[in-house]
N, C-alpha and C. Protein backbone atom coordinates (compact mmCIF):
# COMPACT_ATOMS: atom_id res chain seq x y z
N MET A 1 134.15 154.73 62.53
CA MET A 1 133.46 153.97 61.08
C MET A 1 132.09 154.18 60.75
N SER A 2 131.39 153.02 61.60
CA SER A 2 130.28 152.60 61.23
C SER A 2 129.64 152.97 61.61
N VAL A 3 129.56 154.62 62.07
CA VAL A 3 127.91 155.26 61.52
C VAL A 3 128.76 156.14 60.54
N VAL A 4 129.79 156.75 59.81
CA VAL A 4 129.33 156.35 58.20
C VAL A 4 128.98 155.53 57.06
N ILE A 5 129.29 154.15 57.93
CA ILE A 5 128.82 152.89 57.01
C ILE A 5 127.50 152.85 56.90
N GLY A 6 126.96 153.02 58.33
CA GLY A 6 125.19 152.90 58.45
C GLY A 6 124.79 153.99 57.24
N VAL A 7 125.49 155.28 57.91
CA VAL A 7 124.34 156.49 56.76
C VAL A 7 124.84 155.97 55.16
N LEU A 8 125.88 155.68 54.76
CA LEU A 8 125.75 154.76 53.48
C LEU A 8 124.64 154.06 52.95
N LEU A 9 124.79 152.71 53.99
CA LEU A 9 123.67 151.90 54.03
C LEU A 9 121.74 153.05 53.82
N ALA A 10 121.83 154.18 54.71
CA ALA A 10 120.44 154.30 54.91
C ALA A 10 120.12 155.35 53.36
N LEU A 11 121.35 156.18 52.78
CA LEU A 11 121.40 156.83 51.43
C LEU A 11 120.52 155.82 50.30
N ALA A 12 121.40 154.16 50.63
CA ALA A 12 121.61 153.53 49.66
C ALA A 12 119.53 152.77 49.93
N VAL A 13 118.82 152.23 51.01
CA VAL A 13 117.77 151.95 51.30
C VAL A 13 117.41 153.96 50.46
N ALA A 14 117.26 154.91 50.85
CA ALA A 14 116.70 156.02 51.09
C ALA A 14 116.42 155.78 48.81
N VAL A 15 117.40 155.57 48.46
CA VAL A 15 117.35 155.13 47.11
C VAL A 15 116.48 154.67 46.23
N THR A 16 116.37 153.64 46.96
CA THR A 16 115.68 152.72 46.34
C THR A 16 113.43 152.84 47.01
N TRP A 17 113.93 153.47 47.96
CA TRP A 17 112.75 154.05 48.18
C TRP A 17 111.62 155.34 46.91
N LEU A 18 112.83 156.17 46.86
CA LEU A 18 113.27 157.35 45.86
C LEU A 18 112.62 156.22 44.59
N ALA A 19 113.22 155.08 44.36
CA ALA A 19 113.53 154.72 42.44
C ALA A 19 111.95 154.33 42.95
N ALA A 20 110.89 153.30 43.52
CA ALA A 20 109.62 152.25 43.94
C ALA A 20 109.35 154.34 43.77
N LEU A 21 108.96 155.22 44.10
CA LEU A 21 108.32 156.32 43.95
C LEU A 21 107.81 156.20 42.83
N ALA A 22 109.20 156.61 42.28
CA ALA A 22 109.09 157.25 40.44
C ALA A 22 108.85 155.96 40.17
N LEU A 23 108.99 154.99 39.73
CA LEU A 23 108.28 154.27 39.18
C LEU A 23 106.61 154.27 39.82
N TRP A 24 105.65 154.39 40.61
CA TRP A 24 104.66 154.44 40.96
C TRP A 24 104.56 155.78 40.20
N ARG A 25 104.77 156.61 40.15
CA ARG A 25 104.35 157.76 40.09
C ARG A 25 104.55 157.98 38.30
N LEU A 26 105.98 157.39 37.82
CA LEU A 26 106.07 157.86 36.82
C LEU A 26 105.17 157.59 35.80
N PRO A 27 104.72 158.15 35.07
CA PRO A 27 103.94 157.72 33.18
C PRO A 27 104.09 156.97 32.23
N ARG A 28 105.46 157.59 31.87
CA ARG A 28 105.73 156.45 30.06
C ARG A 28 106.79 155.47 30.54
N ALA A 29 106.99 154.37 29.85
CA ALA A 29 107.97 153.28 30.45
C ALA A 29 109.38 153.60 30.89
N LEU A 30 110.06 154.34 29.91
CA LEU A 30 111.31 154.98 29.08
C LEU A 30 111.51 156.01 30.54
N ASP A 31 110.46 156.16 30.90
CA ASP A 31 110.56 157.42 32.85
C ASP A 31 111.00 156.37 33.43
N ARG A 32 110.16 155.51 33.18
CA ARG A 32 110.51 155.08 34.27
C ARG A 32 111.76 153.90 34.58
N LEU A 33 111.99 153.32 33.90
CA LEU A 33 113.09 152.35 33.06
C LEU A 33 115.00 153.93 33.54
N HIS A 34 114.35 155.20 33.89
CA HIS A 34 115.17 156.33 33.42
C HIS A 34 115.27 156.11 35.09
N ALA A 35 114.05 155.82 36.04
CA ALA A 35 114.59 156.07 37.42
C ALA A 35 115.27 154.15 37.93
N LEU A 36 114.63 152.82 37.13
CA LEU A 36 116.08 151.97 38.10
C LEU A 36 117.52 151.58 37.24
N ALA A 37 118.00 153.03 36.52
CA ALA A 37 118.64 152.97 35.97
C ALA A 37 119.57 153.52 36.93
N PHE A 38 119.29 155.15 37.60
CA PHE A 38 119.15 155.98 38.95
C PHE A 38 119.84 154.80 40.08
N LEU A 39 118.48 154.22 39.46
CA LEU A 39 118.53 153.17 41.58
C LEU A 39 119.58 152.20 40.96
N ASN A 40 120.18 151.52 39.72
CA ASN A 40 121.09 150.69 39.19
C ASN A 40 122.11 151.36 40.25
N VAL A 41 123.05 152.33 39.50
CA VAL A 41 124.11 153.28 39.43
C VAL A 41 124.02 153.98 41.31
N ALA A 42 123.60 153.70 41.11
CA ALA A 42 123.35 155.29 42.90
C ALA A 42 123.67 153.79 44.03
N ALA A 43 122.33 152.63 43.82
CA ALA A 43 122.88 151.78 45.13
C ALA A 43 123.65 151.41 45.59
N SER A 44 124.42 150.96 44.27
CA SER A 44 125.22 149.95 44.36
C SER A 44 126.71 150.47 44.25
N ILE A 45 127.11 151.94 43.93
CA ILE A 45 128.03 152.58 44.84
C ILE A 45 127.91 153.00 45.35
N LEU A 46 127.01 152.85 46.35
CA LEU A 46 126.76 153.13 47.67
C LEU A 46 127.54 151.80 48.96
N VAL A 47 126.95 150.86 48.57
CA VAL A 47 126.99 149.94 48.80
C VAL A 47 128.31 148.98 48.73
N THR A 48 128.87 149.43 48.07
CA THR A 48 130.52 148.99 47.67
C THR A 48 131.10 150.00 48.08
N MET A 49 130.80 151.17 48.33
CA MET A 49 130.84 151.81 49.46
C MET A 49 131.96 151.67 50.40
N ALA A 50 129.65 151.82 51.10
CA ALA A 50 130.31 150.90 52.42
C ALA A 50 131.25 149.23 52.86
N ALA A 51 130.81 148.90 51.49
CA ALA A 51 131.53 147.35 52.31
C ALA A 51 133.21 147.71 52.32
N PHE A 52 133.33 148.45 51.23
CA PHE A 52 135.01 149.19 52.10
C PHE A 52 135.71 149.54 52.56
N LEU A 53 134.32 150.22 53.32
CA LEU A 53 134.83 151.49 54.41
C LEU A 53 134.78 150.44 55.19
N ALA A 54 134.12 148.90 56.01
CA ALA A 54 134.27 148.08 56.54
C ALA A 54 134.77 147.37 56.69
N ASP A 55 135.45 146.36 55.45
CA ASP A 55 136.44 145.89 55.75
C ASP A 55 137.89 146.14 55.03
N GLY A 56 138.05 147.53 54.45
CA GLY A 56 139.45 147.89 53.94
C GLY A 56 139.57 146.90 52.52
N ILE A 57 140.60 146.93 51.44
CA ILE A 57 140.70 146.50 50.26
C ILE A 57 141.27 144.75 51.23
N SER A 58 140.53 144.44 50.66
CA SER A 58 140.16 142.97 51.09
C SER A 58 140.13 141.35 50.22
N GLY A 59 139.64 140.39 50.03
CA GLY A 59 139.22 139.69 49.35
C GLY A 59 137.35 139.55 48.61
N ARG A 60 137.03 140.40 50.24
CA ARG A 60 135.32 140.22 49.78
C ARG A 60 135.06 141.42 49.17
N SER A 61 135.75 142.44 49.39
CA SER A 61 135.79 143.43 49.31
C SER A 61 135.86 143.76 47.61
N LEU A 62 136.44 143.37 47.01
CA LEU A 62 136.95 143.19 46.11
C LEU A 62 136.20 142.79 44.92
N LYS A 63 135.37 141.37 46.08
CA LYS A 63 135.34 140.40 45.03
C LYS A 63 133.23 140.92 45.22
N ILE A 64 132.50 142.42 46.20
CA ILE A 64 131.73 143.33 46.20
C ILE A 64 131.99 143.93 44.83
N LEU A 65 133.15 144.65 44.54
CA LEU A 65 133.41 145.44 43.51
C LEU A 65 133.40 144.96 42.46
N VAL A 66 133.65 143.99 42.06
CA VAL A 66 133.73 143.12 40.46
C VAL A 66 132.91 142.53 40.87
N MET A 67 131.80 142.40 41.64
CA MET A 67 129.55 141.95 41.76
C MET A 67 129.48 143.17 41.26
N MET A 68 129.59 144.69 41.78
CA MET A 68 128.63 145.84 40.84
C MET A 68 129.25 146.03 39.64
N VAL A 69 130.90 145.98 39.07
CA VAL A 69 131.07 146.10 37.68
C VAL A 69 130.32 145.26 37.45
N VAL A 70 129.80 144.36 37.91
CA VAL A 70 129.00 143.49 36.13
C VAL A 70 128.11 143.93 37.01
N PHE A 71 126.97 143.47 37.55
CA PHE A 71 125.51 144.35 38.01
C PHE A 71 125.99 145.39 36.85
N LEU A 72 126.54 146.26 37.47
CA LEU A 72 126.11 147.76 36.62
C LEU A 72 126.22 147.42 34.65
N ALA A 73 127.34 146.71 34.01
CA ALA A 73 127.38 146.41 32.86
C ALA A 73 125.95 145.82 32.83
N TRP A 74 125.63 144.55 33.57
CA TRP A 74 124.90 143.81 32.71
C TRP A 74 123.48 144.79 32.94
N ALA A 75 123.59 146.05 33.64
CA ALA A 75 122.12 146.69 33.59
C ALA A 75 121.97 147.73 32.58
N ALA A 76 123.35 148.11 32.08
CA ALA A 76 123.27 148.70 31.15
C ALA A 76 122.61 147.94 30.27
N VAL A 77 122.87 146.54 29.26
CA VAL A 77 122.79 146.05 28.46
C VAL A 77 121.07 146.16 28.94
N LEU A 78 120.68 145.27 29.68
CA LEU A 78 119.36 145.14 29.41
C LEU A 78 118.37 146.77 29.38
N SER A 79 118.88 147.86 30.41
CA SER A 79 118.14 148.73 29.91
C SER A 79 118.58 149.36 28.48
N HIS A 80 118.93 148.68 28.00
CA HIS A 80 119.44 149.12 26.54
C HIS A 80 118.02 148.89 25.91
N VAL A 81 118.44 147.41 25.71
CA VAL A 81 117.60 146.41 25.63
C VAL A 81 115.84 147.08 25.70
N SER A 82 116.18 146.96 26.78
CA SER A 82 113.93 147.25 27.36
C SER A 82 113.84 148.74 26.71
N GLY A 83 115.12 149.89 26.45
CA GLY A 83 114.38 150.75 25.58
C GLY A 83 113.93 150.70 24.60
N ARG A 84 115.10 150.00 23.96
CA ARG A 84 114.83 150.10 21.96
C ARG A 84 113.89 148.69 22.32
N ALA A 85 113.04 148.06 22.75
CA ALA A 85 111.67 147.65 22.88
C ALA A 85 110.21 148.38 22.68
N VAL A 86 110.95 149.32 23.95
CA VAL A 86 109.17 150.30 24.65
C VAL A 86 109.23 150.90 22.87
N LEU A 87 110.39 151.63 22.63
CA LEU A 87 110.50 151.99 21.31
C LEU A 87 109.86 150.78 20.18
N MET A 88 110.06 150.40 20.20
CA MET A 88 110.26 149.19 19.23
C MET A 88 108.39 149.01 19.39
N ARG A 89 108.03 149.27 20.05
CA ARG A 89 106.51 148.50 20.53
C ARG A 89 105.90 150.00 20.08
N GLU A 90 105.73 151.14 20.93
CA GLU A 90 105.48 152.19 20.56
C GLU A 90 105.31 153.12 19.08
N GLY A 91 106.09 151.79 18.08
CA GLY A 91 106.01 152.36 16.28
C GLY A 91 107.08 153.44 16.19
N ARG A 92 107.82 153.95 17.48
CA ARG A 92 108.73 154.82 16.59
C ARG A 92 110.22 153.82 16.77
N SER A 93 111.27 154.34 15.65
CA SER A 93 112.40 154.35 15.36
C SER A 93 113.63 154.24 16.74
N ALA A 94 115.24 153.71 17.12
CA ALA A 94 115.05 154.34 18.25
C ALA A 94 116.89 154.43 17.57
């Protein structure tokens, strides 16, 4: 079981490095914003899965689940607001 947890956490780190590379290489702000959205979703799912495999259904894993759901909701709102701000700055309407 600990090997699977290690693999999930290693995948979360790999996703983070992939998003960092995308932020460095992508030319437009909206493209970089998509890379961040990918990072938010993929890493939070992997970390939550690792927590449930480590503890099973416990108070700590349920708190992590709630925290990740709140994090994803705020990340979606902030991505939307940032995307609209970029479009407005470029003179386009959303």
